[in-house]
Amino acid sequence: MKHWLHAFRLRTLPLAAASVLTGSMLAGIFGEADGLIFFLCLLVAFELQILSNLANDYGDFVKGTDNENRLGNQRALQSGALQPLQVKRMMVVFVAAALLTGVGLLLLAFPEVNLATFILLASGITAIAAAIKYTVGNNAYGYKGWGDIFVFLFFGIFAVLGTSYVQYHVFVPEMILPAITIGLFATAVLNVNNIRDIDNDKACGKITIPVRLGVTKAKQYHVILIAGATLSIVAFSVIIYQSAVDFLYLLSFPVIFANTRSVWTTEPSPAYNKLLKQLSLSILFFALMTCVSYILSFIVVVTGIGNVFN
């Protein structure tokens, strides 16, 4: 069992949780959140994340990218703890689990099947395909530098807005800003991973953004991602301003900025493994703080003490 837990890479789940928390927060701000649907969204997000991890492990192993030169933690296939056929079978299990959970979620959210149901179902199936095709197959998009765009879309935009829509059933244009924030943060996590592995990826023909840009420009790109995420959520708070408490989540940013500084000053090495974990947890902390900010802000406004904070 421990080999499977290692292959699942549970340390990556905070990032998936952050997107669901943010989407549920938006549903609560503009309408009403639903606890059961939140739980099912979280379950689907975890299933897709683990599927992506298994597919990444399998694809990189088959292509020879996971070798002794890789600086990341040794993966289950690379170590010999699991065999390729075992991982492929487990991928099928998680595809089935994500489909079943996703369909159940949609039937619960939309008792009367409508166009939105089919659009969300199609988006879910596309997300499953994207999770697999990142490194699996001859045309794996992760080997052609498209990973960042897909992560931004599926772990940010679609995950946040989809979570919000299945609870509130309405899209509000301002919702796109927090979705962009989570998408850019998720892309930043991928970028740290790819900076760490830049030399081995280049040698193995995996053309990631850092391989295309080089280390220095990849670090500049990382700063742009973090800055963009910050500006996007601040813009959202300014647009829907309720009280100064809205900005309480800014207390989470010193940790994120400290991590960014470490990425800037650290050369690609195993030290990036710690930075990856820190960034992922920092993003979850940000999402939690954002939820707390708007819950407290709502209380401040409703109880009539908002003037104290304005």
C-alpha atoms as a PDB file:
ATOM      1  CA  MET A   1       0.000   0.000   0.000  1.00  0.00           C
ATOM      2  CA  LYS A   2       2.835   2.392   0.798  1.00  0.00           C
ATOM      3  CA  HIS A   3       4.088   2.089  -2.788  1.00  0.00           C
ATOM      4  CA  TRP A   4       0.695   3.198  -4.098  1.00  0.00           C
ATOM      5  CA  LEU A   5       0.526   6.104  -1.679  1.00  0.00           C
ATOM      6  CA  HIS A   6       3.951   7.137  -2.940  1.00  0.00           C
ATOM      7  CA  ALA A   7       2.749   6.853  -6.547  1.00  0.00           C
ATOM      8  CA  PHE A   8      -0.395   8.875  -5.781  1.00  0.00           C
ATOM      9  CA  ARG A   9       1.818  11.774  -4.598  1.00  0.00           C
ATOM     10  CA  LEU A  10      -0.627  12.976  -1.959  1.00  0.00           C
ATOM     11  CA  ARG A  11       1.549  16.056  -1.370  1.00  0.00           C
ATOM     12  CA  THR A  12       0.115  17.479  -4.614  1.00  0.00           C
ATOM     13  CA  LEU A  13      -3.487  17.410  -3.360  1.00  0.00           C
ATOM     14  CA  PRO A  14      -3.388  20.821  -1.599  1.00  0.00           C
ATOM     15  CA  LEU A  15      -3.277  22.480  -5.021  1.00  0.00           C
ATOM     16  CA  ALA A  16      -6.401  20.600  -6.123  1.00  0.00           C
ATOM     17  CA  ALA A  17      -8.116  21.552  -2.871  1.00  0.00           C
ATOM     18  CA  ALA A  18      -7.279  25.231  -3.407  1.00  0.00           C
ATOM     19  CA  SER A  19      -9.230  25.370  -6.677  1.00  0.00           C
ATOM     20  CA  VAL A  20     -12.322  23.778  -5.111  1.00  0.00           C
ATOM     21  CA  LEU A  21     -12.148  26.046  -2.064  1.00  0.00           C
ATOM     22  CA  THR A  22     -11.895  29.102  -4.300  1.00  0.00           C
ATOM     23  CA  GLY A  23     -14.795  28.016  -6.496  1.00  0.00           C
ATOM     24  CA  SER A  24     -16.967  27.296  -3.464  1.00  0.00           C
ATOM     25  CA  MET A  25     -16.043  30.676  -1.996  1.00  0.00           C
ATOM     26  CA  LEU A  26     -17.269  32.351  -5.182  1.00  0.00           C
ATOM     27  CA  ALA A  27     -20.542  30.423  -5.026  1.00  0.00           C
ATOM     28  CA  GLY A  28     -20.966  31.630  -1.449  1.00  0.00           C
ATOM     29  CA  ILE A  29     -20.115  35.249  -2.242  1.00  0.00           C
ATOM     30  CA  PHE A  30     -22.496  35.608  -5.178  1.00  0.00           C
ATOM     31  CA  GLY A  31     -25.150  33.057  -4.248  1.00  0.00           C
ATOM     32  CA  GLU A  32     -25.090  29.965  -2.090  1.00  0.00           C
ATOM     33  CA  ALA A  33     -22.551  27.193  -1.538  1.00  0.00           C
ATOM     34  CA  ASP A  34     -23.568  23.555  -1.053  1.00  0.00           C
ATOM     35  CA  GLY A  35     -21.668  21.327   1.374  1.00  0.00           C
ATOM     36  CA  LEU A  36     -22.352  17.994  -0.342  1.00  0.00           C
ATOM     37  CA  ILE A  37     -21.542  19.330  -3.792  1.00  0.00           C
ATOM     38  CA  PHE A  38     -18.363  20.888  -2.364  1.00  0.00           C
ATOM     39  CA  PHE A  39     -17.330  17.468  -1.043  1.00  0.00           C
ATOM     40  CA  LEU A  40     -18.003  15.791  -4.398  1.00  0.00           C
ATOM     41  CA  CYS A  41     -16.081  18.522  -6.246  1.00  0.00           C
ATOM     42  CA  LEU A  42     -13.170  17.944  -3.879  1.00  0.00           C
ATOM     43  CA  LEU A  43     -13.326  14.199  -4.502  1.00  0.00           C
ATOM     44  CA  VAL A  44     -13.345  14.668  -8.291  1.00  0.00           C
ATOM     45  CA  ALA A  45     -10.426  17.119  -8.046  1.00  0.00           C
ATOM     46  CA  PHE A  46      -8.412  14.635  -5.978  1.00  0.00           C
ATOM     47  CA  GLU A  47      -9.198  11.788  -8.391  1.00  0.00           C
ATOM     48  CA  LEU A  48      -8.093  13.858 -11.377  1.00  0.00           C
ATOM     49  CA  GLN A  49      -4.928  14.984  -9.587  1.00  0.00           C
ATOM     50  CA  ILE A  50      -3.960  11.422  -8.684  1.00  0.00           C
ATOM     51  CA  LEU A  51      -4.782  10.258 -12.217  1.00  0.00           C
ATOM     52  CA  SER A  52      -2.517  12.992 -13.549  1.00  0.00           C
ATOM     53  CA  ASN A  53       0.261  11.922 -11.176  1.00  0.00           C
ATOM     54  CA  LEU A  54      -0.008   8.265 -12.213  1.00  0.00           C
ATOM     55  CA  ALA A  55      -0.068   9.164 -15.904  1.00  0.00           C
ATOM     56  CA  ASN A  56       2.922  11.470 -15.455  1.00  0.00           C
ATOM     57  CA  ASP A  57       4.819   8.705 -13.666  1.00  0.00           C
ATOM     58  CA  TYR A  58       3.968   6.194 -16.392  1.00  0.00           C
ATOM     59  CA  GLY A  59       4.638   8.484 -19.359  1.00  0.00           C
ATOM     60  CA  ASP A  60       7.978   9.781 -18.106  1.00  0.00           C
ATOM     61  CA  PHE A  61       9.119   6.265 -17.169  1.00  0.00           C
ATOM     62  CA  VAL A  62       8.241   4.774 -20.557  1.00  0.00           C
ATOM     63  CA  LYS A  63       9.985   7.642 -22.368  1.00  0.00           C
ATOM     64  CA  GLY A  64      13.104   7.277 -20.208  1.00  0.00           C
ATOM     65  CA  THR A  65      12.810  10.753 -18.677  1.00  0.00           C
ATOM     66  CA  ASP A  66      12.672   9.335 -15.155  1.00  0.00           C
ATOM     67  CA  ASN A  67      16.291   8.265 -14.806  1.00  0.00           C
ATOM     68  CA  GLU A  68      19.225   8.610 -12.425  1.00  0.00           C
ATOM     69  CA  ASN A  69      19.833  12.196 -13.580  1.00  0.00           C
ATOM     70  CA  ARG A  70      16.406  13.446 -12.519  1.00  0.00           C
ATOM     71  CA  LEU A  71      16.595  15.709  -9.437  1.00  0.00           C
ATOM     72  CA  GLY A  72      13.079  15.085  -8.144  1.00  0.00           C
ATOM     73  CA  ASN A  73      12.031  12.478  -5.610  1.00  0.00           C
ATOM     74  CA  GLN A  74      12.333   8.954  -6.986  1.00  0.00           C
ATOM     75  CA  ARG A  75       9.007   7.758  -8.355  1.00  0.00           C
ATOM     76  CA  ALA A  76       7.387   4.351  -7.867  1.00  0.00           C
ATOM     77  CA  LEU A  77       8.074   3.050 -11.383  1.00  0.00           C
ATOM     78  CA  GLN A  78      11.574   4.455 -11.425  1.00  0.00           C
ATOM     79  CA  SER A  79      12.400   2.666  -8.163  1.00  0.00           C
ATOM     80  CA  GLY A  80      10.910  -0.629  -9.350  1.00  0.00           C
ATOM     81  CA  ALA A  81       8.334  -0.673  -6.546  1.00  0.00           C
ATOM     82  CA  LEU A  82       5.559  -0.854  -9.149  1.00  0.00           C
ATOM     83  CA  GLN A  83       5.396  -2.208 -12.683  1.00  0.00           C
ATOM     84  CA  PRO A  84       4.032  -0.302 -15.721  1.00  0.00           C
ATOM     85  CA  LEU A  85       1.043  -2.641 -16.136  1.00  0.00           C
ATOM     86  CA  GLN A  86       0.051  -2.099 -12.506  1.00  0.00           C
ATOM     87  CA  VAL A  87       0.117   1.665 -12.953  1.00  0.00           C
ATOM     88  CA  LYS A  88      -1.898   1.457 -16.188  1.00  0.00           C
ATOM     89  CA  ARG A  89      -4.568  -0.589 -14.426  1.00  0.00           C
ATOM     90  CA  MET A  90      -4.706   1.883 -11.557  1.00  0.00           C
ATOM     91  CA  MET A  91      -5.088   4.702 -14.078  1.00  0.00           C
ATOM     92  CA  VAL A  92      -8.182   2.924 -15.423  1.00  0.00           C
ATOM     93  CA  VAL A  93      -9.530   2.701 -11.871  1.00  0.00           C
ATOM     94  CA  PHE A  94      -9.148   6.442 -11.372  1.00  0.00           C
ATOM     95  CA  VAL A  95     -10.640   7.252 -14.778  1.00  0.00           C
ATOM     96  CA  ALA A  96     -13.700   5.208 -13.800  1.00  0.00           C
ATOM     97  CA  ALA A  97     -13.822   6.783 -10.341  1.00  0.00           C
ATOM     98  CA  ALA A  98     -13.611  10.318 -11.733  1.00  0.00           C
ATOM     99  CA  LEU A  99     -16.348   9.581 -14.283  1.00  0.00           C
ATOM    100  CA  LEU A 100     -18.694   8.004 -11.737  1.00  0.00           C
ATOM    101  CA  THR A 101     -18.144  10.738  -9.161  1.00  0.00           C
ATOM    102  CA  GLY A 102     -18.436  13.441 -11.798  1.00  0.00           C
ATOM    103  CA  VAL A 103     -21.695  12.087 -13.237  1.00  0.00           C
ATOM    104  CA  GLY A 104     -23.130  11.715  -9.735  1.00  0.00           C
ATOM    105  CA  LEU A 105     -22.108  15.292  -8.979  1.00  0.00           C
ATOM    106  CA  LEU A 106     -23.813  16.608 -12.116  1.00  0.00           C
ATOM    107  CA  LEU A 107     -27.026  14.669 -11.453  1.00  0.00           C
ATOM    108  CA  LEU A 108     -27.116  16.061  -7.924  1.00  0.00           C
ATOM    109  CA  ALA A 109     -26.363  19.611  -9.054  1.00  0.00           C
ATOM    110  CA  PHE A 110     -28.768  19.503 -12.027  1.00  0.00           C
ATOM    111  CA  PRO A 111     -31.759  17.207 -11.300  1.00  0.00           C
ATOM    112  CA  GLU A 112     -33.181  18.332 -14.636  1.00  0.00           C
ATOM    113  CA  VAL A 113     -30.557  17.644 -17.288  1.00  0.00           C
ATOM    114  CA  ASN A 114     -29.866  20.710 -19.405  1.00  0.00           C
ATOM    115  CA  LEU A 115     -27.228  22.150 -21.725  1.00  0.00           C
ATOM    116  CA  ALA A 116     -24.971  23.080 -18.788  1.00  0.00           C
ATOM    117  CA  THR A 117     -24.963  19.428 -17.709  1.00  0.00           C
ATOM    118  CA  PHE A 118     -23.578  18.292 -21.057  1.00  0.00           C
ATOM    119  CA  ILE A 119     -21.061  21.144 -21.242  1.00  0.00           C
ATOM    120  CA  LEU A 120     -19.718  20.306 -17.783  1.00  0.00           C
ATOM    121  CA  LEU A 121     -19.660  16.583 -18.603  1.00  0.00           C
ATOM    122  CA  ALA A 122     -17.696  17.295 -21.780  1.00  0.00           C
ATOM    123  CA  SER A 123     -15.308  19.499 -19.786  1.00  0.00           C
ATOM    124  CA  GLY A 124     -14.792  16.692 -17.280  1.00  0.00           C
ATOM    125  CA  ILE A 125     -14.040  14.137 -19.982  1.00  0.00           C
ATOM    126  CA  THR A 126     -11.619  16.594 -21.578  1.00  0.00           C
ATOM    127  CA  ALA A 127      -9.932  17.069 -18.186  1.00  0.00           C
ATOM    128  CA  ILE A 128      -9.478  13.300 -17.877  1.00  0.00           C
ATOM    129  CA  ALA A 129      -7.933  13.134 -21.342  1.00  0.00           C
ATOM    130  CA  ALA A 130      -5.667  16.089 -20.543  1.00  0.00           C
ATOM    131  CA  ALA A 131      -4.502  14.444 -17.306  1.00  0.00           C
ATOM    132  CA  ILE A 132      -3.406  11.373 -19.259  1.00  0.00           C
ATOM    133  CA  LYS A 133      -2.006  13.003 -22.380  1.00  0.00           C
ATOM    134  CA  TYR A 134       0.392  15.281 -20.493  1.00  0.00           C
ATOM    135  CA  THR A 135       3.176  12.714 -20.776  1.00  0.00           C
ATOM    136  CA  VAL A 136       1.510   9.591 -22.228  1.00  0.00           C
ATOM    137  CA  GLY A 137       1.595   8.785 -25.946  1.00  0.00           C
ATOM    138  CA  ASN A 138       3.580   9.922 -28.962  1.00  0.00           C
ATOM    139  CA  ASN A 139       1.979  13.374 -28.961  1.00  0.00           C
ATOM    140  CA  ALA A 140       2.206  14.086 -25.232  1.00  0.00           C
ATOM    141  CA  TYR A 141       1.681  17.836 -24.951  1.00  0.00           C
ATOM    142  CA  GLY A 142       3.894  18.108 -21.865  1.00  0.00           C
ATOM    143  CA  TYR A 143       6.858  17.250 -24.104  1.00  0.00           C
ATOM    144  CA  LYS A 144       6.042  20.095 -26.488  1.00  0.00           C
ATOM    145  CA  GLY A 145       5.822  22.991 -24.041  1.00  0.00           C
ATOM    146  CA  TRP A 146       2.023  23.083 -23.760  1.00  0.00           C
ATOM    147  CA  GLY A 147       1.846  21.904 -20.153  1.00  0.00           C
ATOM    148  CA  ASP A 148       1.590  25.402 -18.690  1.00  0.00           C
ATOM    149  CA  ILE A 149      -1.463  26.331 -20.752  1.00  0.00           C
ATOM    150  CA  PHE A 150      -3.295  23.112 -19.897  1.00  0.00           C
ATOM    151  CA  VAL A 151      -2.495  23.424 -16.188  1.00  0.00           C
ATOM    152  CA  PHE A 152      -3.686  27.045 -16.199  1.00  0.00           C
ATOM    153  CA  LEU A 153      -6.962  26.042 -17.834  1.00  0.00           C
ATOM    154  CA  PHE A 154      -7.798  22.769 -16.086  1.00  0.00           C
ATOM    155  CA  PHE A 155      -6.367  23.366 -12.612  1.00  0.00           C
ATOM    156  CA  GLY A 156      -7.376  27.029 -12.596  1.00  0.00           C
ATOM    157  CA  ILE A 157     -10.096  28.362 -14.886  1.00  0.00           C
ATOM    158  CA  PHE A 158     -12.192  25.218 -15.375  1.00  0.00           C
ATOM    159  CA  ALA A 159     -11.711  23.872 -11.845  1.00  0.00           C
ATOM    160  CA  VAL A 160     -12.653  27.120 -10.092  1.00  0.00           C
ATOM    161  CA  LEU A 161     -15.495  28.191 -12.381  1.00  0.00           C
ATOM    162  CA  GLY A 162     -16.838  24.641 -12.667  1.00  0.00           C
ATOM    163  CA  THR A 163     -16.922  24.257  -8.881  1.00  0.00           C
ATOM    164  CA  SER A 164     -18.730  27.560  -8.562  1.00  0.00           C
ATOM    165  CA  TYR A 165     -21.240  26.820 -11.315  1.00  0.00           C
ATOM    166  CA  VAL A 166     -22.385  23.422 -10.027  1.00  0.00           C
ATOM    167  CA  GLN A 167     -23.270  25.133  -6.739  1.00  0.00           C
ATOM    168  CA  TYR A 168     -24.590  28.551  -7.813  1.00  0.00           C
ATOM    169  CA  HIS A 169     -25.695  27.799 -11.425  1.00  0.00           C
ATOM    170  CA  VAL A 170     -24.775  31.318 -12.502  1.00  0.00           C
ATOM    171  CA  PHE A 171     -21.584  32.698 -14.023  1.00  0.00           C
ATOM    172  CA  VAL A 172     -20.586  36.184 -12.862  1.00  0.00           C
ATOM    173  CA  PRO A 173     -17.819  37.819 -14.966  1.00  0.00           C
ATOM    174  CA  GLU A 174     -15.846  38.888 -11.880  1.00  0.00           C
ATOM    175  CA  MET A 175     -15.393  35.207 -10.988  1.00  0.00           C
ATOM    176  CA  ILE A 176     -12.775  34.902 -13.707  1.00  0.00           C
ATOM    177  CA  LEU A 177     -10.259  36.899 -11.636  1.00  0.00           C
ATOM    178  CA  PRO A 178      -9.864  34.428  -8.715  1.00  0.00           C
ATOM    179  CA  ALA A 179      -9.891  31.613 -11.278  1.00  0.00           C
ATOM    180  CA  ILE A 180      -6.977  33.310 -13.039  1.00  0.00           C
ATOM    181  CA  THR A 181      -5.187  33.603  -9.691  1.00  0.00           C
ATOM    182  CA  ILE A 182      -5.450  29.879  -8.984  1.00  0.00           C
ATOM    183  CA  GLY A 183      -4.520  29.054 -12.581  1.00  0.00           C
ATOM    184  CA  LEU A 184      -1.377  31.176 -12.425  1.00  0.00           C
ATOM    185  CA  PHE A 185      -0.438  29.704  -9.047  1.00  0.00           C
ATOM    186  CA  ALA A 186      -0.876  26.170 -10.422  1.00  0.00           C
ATOM    187  CA  THR A 187       1.266  27.082 -13.426  1.00  0.00           C
ATOM    188  CA  ALA A 188       3.912  28.451 -11.051  1.00  0.00           C
ATOM    189  CA  VAL A 189       4.045  25.084  -9.274  1.00  0.00           C
ATOM    190  CA  LEU A 190       4.598  23.346 -12.613  1.00  0.00           C
ATOM    191  CA  ASN A 191       7.253  25.912 -13.510  1.00  0.00           C
ATOM    192  CA  VAL A 192       9.228  25.247 -10.306  1.00  0.00           C
ATOM    193  CA  ASN A 193       9.071  21.532 -11.085  1.00  0.00           C
ATOM    194  CA  ASN A 194      10.300  22.141 -14.631  1.00  0.00           C
ATOM    195  CA  ILE A 195      13.112  24.504 -13.587  1.00  0.00           C
ATOM    196  CA  ARG A 196      14.367  21.792 -11.239  1.00  0.00           C
ATOM    197  CA  ASP A 197      14.374  19.200 -14.028  1.00  0.00           C
ATOM    198  CA  ILE A 198      15.556  21.503 -16.834  1.00  0.00           C
ATOM    199  CA  ASP A 199      18.828  19.708 -17.634  1.00  0.00           C
ATOM    200  CA  ASN A 200      17.406  16.195 -17.610  1.00  0.00           C
ATOM    201  CA  ASP A 201      14.288  17.245 -19.525  1.00  0.00           C
ATOM    202  CA  LYS A 202      16.430  18.876 -22.202  1.00  0.00           C
ATOM    203  CA  ALA A 203      18.582  15.770 -22.525  1.00  0.00           C
ATOM    204  CA  CYS A 204      15.476  13.566 -22.857  1.00  0.00           C
ATOM    205  CA  GLY A 205      13.701  15.761 -25.391  1.00  0.00           C
ATOM    206  CA  LYS A 206      11.037  17.059 -23.019  1.00  0.00           C
ATOM    207  CA  ILE A 207      10.673  20.647 -24.235  1.00  0.00           C
ATOM    208  CA  THR A 208       9.153  22.464 -21.257  1.00  0.00           C
ATOM    209  CA  ILE A 209       8.912  26.246 -20.926  1.00  0.00           C
ATOM    210  CA  PRO A 210      12.155  26.420 -18.863  1.00  0.00           C
ATOM    211  CA  VAL A 211      13.923  24.319 -21.507  1.00  0.00           C
ATOM    212  CA  ARG A 212      12.772  26.816 -24.142  1.00  0.00           C
ATOM    213  CA  LEU A 213      13.603  29.910 -22.084  1.00  0.00           C
ATOM    214  CA  GLY A 214      16.650  28.877 -20.070  1.00  0.00           C
ATOM    215  CA  VAL A 215      16.990  29.092 -16.291  1.00  0.00           C
ATOM    216  CA  THR A 216      17.217  32.887 -15.952  1.00  0.00           C
ATOM    217  CA  LYS A 217      14.190  33.682 -18.102  1.00  0.00           C
ATOM    218  CA  ALA A 218      12.244  30.799 -16.556  1.00  0.00           C
ATOM    219  CA  LYS A 219      12.776  32.439 -13.165  1.00  0.00           C
ATOM    220  CA  GLN A 220      11.602  35.770 -14.582  1.00  0.00           C
ATOM    221  CA  TYR A 221       8.559  33.969 -15.961  1.00  0.00           C
ATOM    222  CA  HIS A 222       7.946  32.561 -12.474  1.00  0.00           C
ATOM    223  CA  VAL A 223       7.934  36.053 -10.957  1.00  0.00           C
ATOM    224  CA  ILE A 224       5.444  37.159 -13.627  1.00  0.00           C
ATOM    225  CA  LEU A 225       3.150  34.242 -12.751  1.00  0.00           C
ATOM    226  CA  ILE A 226       3.177  35.089  -9.040  1.00  0.00           C
ATOM    227  CA  ALA A 227       2.740  38.814  -9.718  1.00  0.00           C
ATOM    228  CA  GLY A 228      -0.150  38.132 -12.094  1.00  0.00           C
ATOM    229  CA  ALA A 229      -1.864  35.904  -9.542  1.00  0.00           C
ATOM    230  CA  THR A 230      -1.483  38.589  -6.880  1.00  0.00           C
ATOM    231  CA  LEU A 231      -2.803  41.418  -9.046  1.00  0.00           C
ATOM    232  CA  SER A 232      -5.752  39.336 -10.213  1.00  0.00           C
ATOM    233  CA  ILE A 233      -7.084  38.531  -6.736  1.00  0.00           C
ATOM    234  CA  VAL A 234      -6.493  42.106  -5.523  1.00  0.00           C
ATOM    235  CA  ALA A 235      -8.412  43.423  -8.542  1.00  0.00           C
ATOM    236  CA  PHE A 236     -11.284  41.084  -7.660  1.00  0.00           C
ATOM    237  CA  SER A 237     -11.353  42.378  -4.083  1.00  0.00           C
ATOM    238  CA  VAL A 238     -11.368  45.984  -5.261  1.00  0.00           C
ATOM    239  CA  ILE A 239     -14.231  45.352  -7.703  1.00  0.00           C
ATOM    240  CA  ILE A 240     -16.544  43.596  -5.222  1.00  0.00           C
ATOM    241  CA  TYR A 241     -15.350  45.540  -2.169  1.00  0.00           C
ATOM    242  CA  GLN A 242     -17.422  45.027   0.994  1.00  0.00           C
ATOM    243  CA  SER A 243     -15.029  45.990   3.775  1.00  0.00           C
ATOM    244  CA  ALA A 244     -11.312  46.170   4.499  1.00  0.00           C
ATOM    245  CA  VAL A 245     -11.569  42.642   5.898  1.00  0.00           C
ATOM    246  CA  ASP A 246     -11.838  41.455   2.280  1.00  0.00           C
ATOM    247  CA  PHE A 247      -8.069  41.838   2.050  1.00  0.00           C
ATOM    248  CA  LEU A 248      -7.218  39.693   5.073  1.00  0.00           C
ATOM    249  CA  TYR A 249      -5.893  37.003   2.710  1.00  0.00           C
ATOM    250  CA  LEU A 250      -2.917  39.267   1.974  1.00  0.00           C
ATOM    251  CA  LEU A 251      -1.421  37.866   5.187  1.00  0.00           C
ATOM    252  CA  SER A 252      -0.680  34.690   3.220  1.00  0.00           C
ATOM    253  CA  PHE A 253       1.431  36.451   0.596  1.00  0.00           C
ATOM    254  CA  PRO A 254       4.672  36.951   2.567  1.00  0.00           C
ATOM    255  CA  VAL A 255       5.077  33.160   2.570  1.00  0.00           C
ATOM    256  CA  ILE A 256       4.444  32.982  -1.182  1.00  0.00           C
ATOM    257  CA  PHE A 257       6.815  35.880  -1.877  1.00  0.00           C
ATOM    258  CA  ALA A 258       9.520  34.294   0.298  1.00  0.00           C
ATOM    259  CA  ASN A 259       9.160  31.102  -1.720  1.00  0.00           C
ATOM    260  CA  THR A 260       9.427  33.117  -4.944  1.00  0.00           C
ATOM    261  CA  ARG A 261      12.618  34.745  -3.708  1.00  0.00           C
ATOM    262  CA  SER A 262      14.077  31.305  -2.933  1.00  0.00           C
ATOM    263  CA  VAL A 263      13.237  30.118  -6.446  1.00  0.00           C
ATOM    264  CA  TRP A 264      14.975  33.233  -7.815  1.00  0.00           C
ATOM    265  CA  THR A 265      18.157  32.731  -5.790  1.00  0.00           C
ATOM    266  CA  THR A 266      18.419  28.925  -5.975  1.00  0.00           C
ATOM    267  CA  GLU A 267      19.931  27.096  -8.910  1.00  0.00           C
ATOM    268  CA  PRO A 268      18.197  23.927 -10.191  1.00  0.00           C
ATOM    269  CA  SER A 269      18.893  21.257  -7.593  1.00  0.00           C
ATOM    270  CA  PRO A 270      17.141  18.846  -5.205  1.00  0.00           C
ATOM    271  CA  ALA A 271      16.485  21.935  -3.032  1.00  0.00           C
ATOM    272  CA  TYR A 272      13.566  22.626  -5.367  1.00  0.00           C
ATOM    273  CA  ASN A 273      11.740  19.613  -3.903  1.00  0.00           C
ATOM    274  CA  LYS A 274      11.270  21.562  -0.678  1.00  0.00           C
ATOM    275  CA  LEU A 275      10.287  24.711  -2.582  1.00  0.00           C
ATOM    276  CA  LEU A 276       7.621  22.763  -4.477  1.00  0.00           C
ATOM    277  CA  LYS A 277       6.053  21.493  -1.269  1.00  0.00           C
ATOM    278  CA  GLN A 278       6.201  24.963   0.293  1.00  0.00           C
ATOM    279  CA  LEU A 279       4.531  26.609  -2.691  1.00  0.00           C
ATOM    280  CA  SER A 280       1.750  24.035  -2.909  1.00  0.00           C
ATOM    281  CA  LEU A 281       0.937  24.383   0.799  1.00  0.00           C
ATOM    282  CA  SER A 282       1.211  28.177   0.577  1.00  0.00           C
ATOM    283  CA  ILE A 283      -1.403  28.229  -2.185  1.00  0.00           C
ATOM    284  CA  LEU A 284      -3.756  26.124  -0.062  1.00  0.00           C
ATOM    285  CA  PHE A 285      -3.159  28.518   2.844  1.00  0.00           C
ATOM    286  CA  PHE A 286      -3.970  31.419   0.528  1.00  0.00           C
ATOM    287  CA  ALA A 287      -7.234  29.761  -0.547  1.00  0.00           C
ATOM    288  CA  LEU A 288      -8.215  29.109   3.073  1.00  0.00           C
ATOM    289  CA  MET A 289      -7.359  32.679   4.060  1.00  0.00           C
ATOM    290  CA  THR A 290      -9.402  34.019   1.148  1.00  0.00           C
ATOM    291  CA  CYS A 291     -12.429  32.025   2.303  1.00  0.00           C
ATOM    292  CA  VAL A 292     -11.956  33.275   5.864  1.00  0.00           C
ATOM    293  CA  SER A 293     -11.573  36.850   4.602  1.00  0.00           C
ATOM    294  CA  TYR A 294     -14.925  36.860   2.849  1.00  0.00           C
ATOM    295  CA  ILE A 295     -16.746  34.997   5.614  1.00  0.00           C
ATOM    296  CA  LEU A 296     -15.526  37.560   8.160  1.00  0.00           C
ATOM    297  CA  SER A 297     -16.260  40.417   5.774  1.00  0.00           C
ATOM    298  CA  PHE A 298     -19.828  39.160   5.365  1.00  0.00           C
ATOM    299  CA  ILE A 299     -20.213  39.037   9.145  1.00  0.00           C
ATOM    300  CA  VAL A 300     -18.791  42.544   9.472  1.00  0.00           C
ATOM    301  CA  VAL A 301     -21.225  43.942   6.907  1.00  0.00           C
ATOM    302  CA  VAL A 302     -24.313  42.045   8.108  1.00  0.00           C
ATOM    303  CA  THR A 303     -23.773  42.855  11.774  1.00  0.00           C
ATOM    304  CA  GLY A 304     -23.450  46.535  10.984  1.00  0.00           C
ATOM    305  CA  ILE A 305     -19.932  46.989  12.293  1.00  0.00           C
ATOM    306  CA  GLY A 306     -18.535  47.491   8.799  1.00  0.00           C
ATOM    307  CA  ASN A 307     -18.021  51.197   9.405  1.00  0.00           C
ATOM    308  CA  VAL A 308     -15.356  50.357  11.968  1.00  0.00           C
ATOM    309  CA  PHE A 309     -13.272  48.794   9.196  1.00  0.00           C
ATOM    310  CA  ASN A 310     -13.886  51.417   6.534  1.00  0.00           C
END
